[in-house]
Amino acid sequence: MLQYSPPVLSPLIPADGNWDGINWILAEDWKVYYEKNLIRLEMTLKRGFVTDGGSIPQIFQGLCKPLGKYLPAFLVHDALYATEYLSRAEADRLLLEIMAELGAGRLWRHWVWSAVRLGGARIWQGHTYESITAGRKLIDGGFERKGTHHLPTFTQPPERFES
């Protein structure tokens, strides 16, 4: 089950006034609830969260718009990457599952999943303690895998930077 309200986005306009045509900012809080099989996710992305939607190369945007049908999956994925509350593999797996809930065909969602598995490492490795902490200020909620109890988990310090 996937429940969410339509996200309200505005172009992210930097101080110089020149929008890059890529980055957007949430103009209102956005809530999503996802539950399937052994997974439950409740998340609120707060006003001010920045996204590029789907990081779709320009050449493929005729097939999939960065802010189109799969935007809820892309927002959840961006939030999980920004916060590192889950592992990269878990975040990528949730992208795959939520895209399925949104009606993406098997071939398309596996193509997207493969692309994020290949390209996402560079983004993930570029995180700092400060960037993760900043991302976490814009996310509330929790994640539960049945058999474990992690709700609410979205308050812990970034694990890979703990001493």
C-alpha atoms as a PDB file:
ATOM      1  CA  MET A   1       0.000   0.000   0.000  1.00  0.00           C
ATOM      2  CA  LEU A   2       1.327   3.408  -0.980  1.00  0.00           C
ATOM      3  CA  GLN A   3      -0.308   6.608   0.248  1.00  0.00           C
ATOM      4  CA  TYR A   4       0.886  10.151  -0.323  1.00  0.00           C
ATOM      5  CA  SER A   5      -0.336  13.612  -1.107  1.00  0.00           C
ATOM      6  CA  PRO A   6       0.841  15.335  -4.288  1.00  0.00           C
ATOM      7  CA  PRO A   7       4.162  17.065  -3.561  1.00  0.00           C
ATOM      8  CA  VAL A   8       4.243  20.840  -4.021  1.00  0.00           C
ATOM      9  CA  LEU A   9       7.549  21.875  -5.587  1.00  0.00           C
ATOM     10  CA  SER A  10       9.028  25.224  -6.575  1.00  0.00           C
ATOM     11  CA  PRO A  11      12.179  25.869  -8.588  1.00  0.00           C
ATOM     12  CA  LEU A  12      15.215  26.260  -6.332  1.00  0.00           C
ATOM     13  CA  ILE A  13      16.384  29.777  -7.163  1.00  0.00           C
ATOM     14  CA  PRO A  14      19.879  30.566  -5.831  1.00  0.00           C
ATOM     15  CA  ALA A  15      20.989  34.033  -4.702  1.00  0.00           C
ATOM     16  CA  ASP A  16      22.115  34.932  -8.238  1.00  0.00           C
ATOM     17  CA  GLY A  17      18.527  34.418  -9.452  1.00  0.00           C
ATOM     18  CA  ASN A  18      19.467  31.876 -12.127  1.00  0.00           C
ATOM     19  CA  TRP A  19      17.575  28.606 -11.794  1.00  0.00           C
ATOM     20  CA  ASP A  20      19.567  25.620 -13.074  1.00  0.00           C
ATOM     21  CA  GLY A  21      16.423  23.955 -14.449  1.00  0.00           C
ATOM     22  CA  ILE A  22      17.169  20.845 -12.400  1.00  0.00           C
ATOM     23  CA  ASN A  23      16.779  21.419  -8.668  1.00  0.00           C
ATOM     24  CA  TRP A  24      13.460  21.888  -6.912  1.00  0.00           C
ATOM     25  CA  ILE A  25      12.483  22.663  -3.333  1.00  0.00           C
ATOM     26  CA  LEU A  26       9.461  21.369  -1.438  1.00  0.00           C
ATOM     27  CA  ALA A  27       7.153  24.326  -0.857  1.00  0.00           C
ATOM     28  CA  GLU A  28       5.090  22.357   1.695  1.00  0.00           C
ATOM     29  CA  ASP A  29       5.690  19.354   3.932  1.00  0.00           C
ATOM     30  CA  TRP A  30       5.122  16.091   2.044  1.00  0.00           C
ATOM     31  CA  LYS A  31       3.991  12.856   3.700  1.00  0.00           C
ATOM     32  CA  VAL A  32       4.277   9.335   2.389  1.00  0.00           C
ATOM     33  CA  TYR A  33       3.280   5.970   3.819  1.00  0.00           C
ATOM     34  CA  TYR A  34       4.374   2.685   2.265  1.00  0.00           C
ATOM     35  CA  GLU A  35       3.700  -0.807   3.527  1.00  0.00           C
ATOM     36  CA  LYS A  36       4.216  -4.059   1.699  1.00  0.00           C
ATOM     37  CA  ASN A  37       5.252  -7.534   2.724  1.00  0.00           C
ATOM     38  CA  LEU A  38       7.707  -7.082   5.585  1.00  0.00           C
ATOM     39  CA  ILE A  39       8.381  -3.342   5.179  1.00  0.00           C
ATOM     40  CA  ARG A  40       6.675  -0.252   6.554  1.00  0.00           C
ATOM     41  CA  LEU A  41       7.873   3.297   5.907  1.00  0.00           C
ATOM     42  CA  GLU A  42       6.340   6.495   7.267  1.00  0.00           C
ATOM     43  CA  MET A  43       8.082   9.668   6.219  1.00  0.00           C
ATOM     44  CA  THR A  44       7.547  13.418   6.163  1.00  0.00           C
ATOM     45  CA  LEU A  45       9.852  15.494   4.009  1.00  0.00           C
ATOM     46  CA  LYS A  46       9.748  19.006   5.403  1.00  0.00           C
ATOM     47  CA  ARG A  47       9.337  22.211   3.489  1.00  0.00           C
ATOM     48  CA  GLY A  48      12.775  23.180   2.172  1.00  0.00           C
ATOM     49  CA  PHE A  49      13.874  19.670   1.146  1.00  0.00           C
ATOM     50  CA  VAL A  50      15.765  19.898  -2.168  1.00  0.00           C
ATOM     51  CA  THR A  51      15.444  17.327  -4.965  1.00  0.00           C
ATOM     52  CA  ASP A  52      16.164  16.937  -8.641  1.00  0.00           C
ATOM     53  CA  GLY A  53      13.283  14.453  -8.871  1.00  0.00           C
ATOM     54  CA  GLY A  54      14.557  11.497 -10.816  1.00  0.00           C
ATOM     55  CA  SER A  55      18.182  11.898 -11.828  1.00  0.00           C
ATOM     56  CA  ILE A  56      17.264  10.936 -15.376  1.00  0.00           C
ATOM     57  CA  PRO A  57      19.847  11.703 -18.084  1.00  0.00           C
ATOM     58  CA  GLN A  58      18.444  14.213 -20.610  1.00  0.00           C
ATOM     59  CA  ILE A  59      18.521  11.655 -23.420  1.00  0.00           C
ATOM     60  CA  PHE A  60      16.036   9.421 -21.525  1.00  0.00           C
ATOM     61  CA  GLN A  61      13.683  12.134 -20.258  1.00  0.00           C
ATOM     62  CA  GLY A  62      11.296  11.413 -23.131  1.00  0.00           C
ATOM     63  CA  LEU A  63      10.739   8.009 -21.517  1.00  0.00           C
ATOM     64  CA  CYS A  64      10.599   9.160 -17.900  1.00  0.00           C
ATOM     65  CA  LYS A  65      10.178  12.701 -16.619  1.00  0.00           C
ATOM     66  CA  PRO A  66      12.175  13.586 -13.475  1.00  0.00           C
ATOM     67  CA  LEU A  67       8.996  15.071 -11.937  1.00  0.00           C
ATOM     68  CA  GLY A  68       6.511  12.688 -13.546  1.00  0.00           C
ATOM     69  CA  LYS A  69       4.573   9.634 -12.432  1.00  0.00           C
ATOM     70  CA  TYR A  70       7.412   8.181 -10.359  1.00  0.00           C
ATOM     71  CA  LEU A  71       8.212  11.358  -8.403  1.00  0.00           C
ATOM     72  CA  PRO A  72       7.033   9.852  -5.066  1.00  0.00           C
ATOM     73  CA  ALA A  73       9.564   7.018  -5.481  1.00  0.00           C
ATOM     74  CA  PHE A  74      12.297   9.501  -6.428  1.00  0.00           C
ATOM     75  CA  LEU A  75      11.520  11.720  -3.401  1.00  0.00           C
ATOM     76  CA  VAL A  76      11.681   8.791  -0.975  1.00  0.00           C
ATOM     77  CA  HIS A  77      14.928   7.646  -2.570  1.00  0.00           C
ATOM     78  CA  ASP A  78      16.461  11.141  -2.426  1.00  0.00           C
ATOM     79  CA  ALA A  79      15.480  11.450   1.247  1.00  0.00           C
ATOM     80  CA  LEU A  80      16.935   8.053   2.138  1.00  0.00           C
ATOM     81  CA  TYR A  81      20.170   8.878   0.314  1.00  0.00           C
ATOM     82  CA  ALA A  82      20.447  12.332   1.920  1.00  0.00           C
ATOM     83  CA  THR A  83      19.949  10.960   5.425  1.00  0.00           C
ATOM     84  CA  GLU A  84      21.600   7.524   5.229  1.00  0.00           C
ATOM     85  CA  TYR A  85      18.998   6.166   7.640  1.00  0.00           C
ATOM     86  CA  LEU A  86      19.053   2.985   5.588  1.00  0.00           C
ATOM     87  CA  SER A  87      21.870   1.391   3.650  1.00  0.00           C
ATOM     88  CA  ARG A  88      22.327   2.310  -0.004  1.00  0.00           C
ATOM     89  CA  ALA A  89      21.111  -1.139  -1.012  1.00  0.00           C
ATOM     90  CA  GLU A  90      17.941  -0.785   1.096  1.00  0.00           C
ATOM     91  CA  ALA A  91      17.238   2.703  -0.295  1.00  0.00           C
ATOM     92  CA  ASP A  92      17.687   1.435  -3.851  1.00  0.00           C
ATOM     93  CA  ARG A  93      15.460  -1.579  -3.141  1.00  0.00           C
ATOM     94  CA  LEU A  94      12.697   0.699  -1.829  1.00  0.00           C
ATOM     95  CA  LEU A  95      12.957   2.786  -5.013  1.00  0.00           C
ATOM     96  CA  LEU A  96      12.359  -0.396  -7.008  1.00  0.00           C
ATOM     97  CA  GLU A  97       9.396  -1.445  -4.854  1.00  0.00           C
ATOM     98  CA  ILE A  98       7.697   1.960  -4.804  1.00  0.00           C
ATOM     99  CA  MET A  99       8.096   2.303  -8.577  1.00  0.00           C
ATOM    100  CA  ALA A 100       6.292  -1.054  -8.886  1.00  0.00           C
ATOM    101  CA  GLU A 101       3.469   0.285  -6.713  1.00  0.00           C
ATOM    102  CA  LEU A 102       3.247   3.302  -9.036  1.00  0.00           C
ATOM    103  CA  GLY A 103       2.836   1.002 -12.034  1.00  0.00           C
ATOM    104  CA  ALA A 104       6.340   0.877 -13.490  1.00  0.00           C
ATOM    105  CA  GLY A 105       6.921  -2.191 -15.595  1.00  0.00           C
ATOM    106  CA  ARG A 106       9.539  -4.704 -14.519  1.00  0.00           C
ATOM    107  CA  LEU A 107      12.013  -3.831 -17.281  1.00  0.00           C
ATOM    108  CA  TRP A 108      11.796  -0.068 -16.688  1.00  0.00           C
ATOM    109  CA  ARG A 109      12.139  -0.224 -12.899  1.00  0.00           C
ATOM    110  CA  HIS A 110      15.086  -2.620 -13.146  1.00  0.00           C
ATOM    111  CA  TRP A 111      16.750  -0.271 -15.621  1.00  0.00           C
ATOM    112  CA  VAL A 112      16.287   2.627 -13.155  1.00  0.00           C
ATOM    113  CA  TRP A 113      17.486   0.440 -10.260  1.00  0.00           C
ATOM    114  CA  SER A 114      20.579  -0.595 -12.231  1.00  0.00           C
ATOM    115  CA  ALA A 115      21.330   3.043 -13.030  1.00  0.00           C
ATOM    116  CA  VAL A 116      21.140   4.102  -9.372  1.00  0.00           C
ATOM    117  CA  ARG A 117      23.240   1.127  -8.292  1.00  0.00           C
ATOM    118  CA  LEU A 118      25.923   2.228 -10.767  1.00  0.00           C
ATOM    119  CA  GLY A 119      25.710   5.996 -10.351  1.00  0.00           C
ATOM    120  CA  GLY A 120      24.585   6.327  -6.747  1.00  0.00           C
ATOM    121  CA  ALA A 121      27.899   5.316  -5.194  1.00  0.00           C
ATOM    122  CA  ARG A 122      29.505   8.623  -6.181  1.00  0.00           C
ATOM    123  CA  ILE A 123      26.705  10.575  -4.496  1.00  0.00           C
ATOM    124  CA  TRP A 124      26.737   8.366  -1.387  1.00  0.00           C
ATOM    125  CA  GLN A 125      30.520   8.570  -0.971  1.00  0.00           C
ATOM    126  CA  GLY A 126      30.375  12.363  -1.246  1.00  0.00           C
ATOM    127  CA  HIS A 127      28.322  12.658   1.927  1.00  0.00           C
ATOM    128  CA  THR A 128      29.797  14.277   4.997  1.00  0.00           C
ATOM    129  CA  TYR A 129      28.653  14.218   8.591  1.00  0.00           C
ATOM    130  CA  GLU A 130      27.398  17.776   8.060  1.00  0.00           C
ATOM    131  CA  SER A 131      25.457  16.999   4.875  1.00  0.00           C
ATOM    132  CA  ILE A 132      23.771  13.977   6.455  1.00  0.00           C
ATOM    133  CA  THR A 133      22.918  15.924   9.598  1.00  0.00           C
ATOM    134  CA  ALA A 134      21.455  18.759   7.494  1.00  0.00           C
ATOM    135  CA  GLY A 135      19.374  16.261   5.500  1.00  0.00           C
ATOM    136  CA  ARG A 136      18.059  14.684   8.683  1.00  0.00           C
ATOM    137  CA  LYS A 137      16.719  18.029   9.882  1.00  0.00           C
ATOM    138  CA  LEU A 138      14.316  17.934   6.924  1.00  0.00           C
ATOM    139  CA  ILE A 139      13.034  14.369   7.407  1.00  0.00           C
ATOM    140  CA  ASP A 140      10.755  12.880  10.067  1.00  0.00           C
ATOM    141  CA  GLY A 141       9.426   9.365  10.279  1.00  0.00           C
ATOM    142  CA  GLY A 142      10.575   5.815  10.568  1.00  0.00           C
ATOM    143  CA  PHE A 143      11.171   2.491   8.901  1.00  0.00           C
ATOM    144  CA  GLU A 144      10.234  -0.962  10.102  1.00  0.00           C
ATOM    145  CA  ARG A 145      11.198  -4.334   8.768  1.00  0.00           C
ATOM    146  CA  LYS A 146       8.822  -6.879  10.335  1.00  0.00           C
ATOM    147  CA  GLY A 147      10.651  -8.932  12.915  1.00  0.00           C
ATOM    148  CA  THR A 148      12.714  -5.908  13.924  1.00  0.00           C
ATOM    149  CA  HIS A 149      11.349  -2.710  15.337  1.00  0.00           C
ATOM    150  CA  HIS A 150      12.792   0.495  13.972  1.00  0.00           C
ATOM    151  CA  LEU A 151       9.881   2.964  14.163  1.00  0.00           C
ATOM    152  CA  PRO A 152      10.757   5.718  14.786  1.00  0.00           C
ATOM    153  CA  THR A 153      14.398   5.497  13.760  1.00  0.00           C
ATOM    154  CA  PHE A 154      14.862   8.785  11.972  1.00  0.00           C
ATOM    155  CA  THR A 155      16.606  10.469  14.894  1.00  0.00           C
ATOM    156  CA  GLN A 156      19.917   8.611  15.151  1.00  0.00           C
ATOM    157  CA  PRO A 157      23.302  10.168  14.347  1.00  0.00           C
ATOM    158  CA  PRO A 158      24.961   9.101  11.083  1.00  0.00           C
ATOM    159  CA  GLU A 159      26.340   5.624  11.887  1.00  0.00           C
ATOM    160  CA  ARG A 160      29.322   5.542   9.575  1.00  0.00           C
ATOM    161  CA  PHE A 161      30.695   8.710  11.170  1.00  0.00           C
ATOM    162  CA  GLU A 162      30.342   7.528  14.777  1.00  0.00           C
ATOM    163  CA  SER A 163      33.579   6.928  16.630  1.00  0.00           C
END
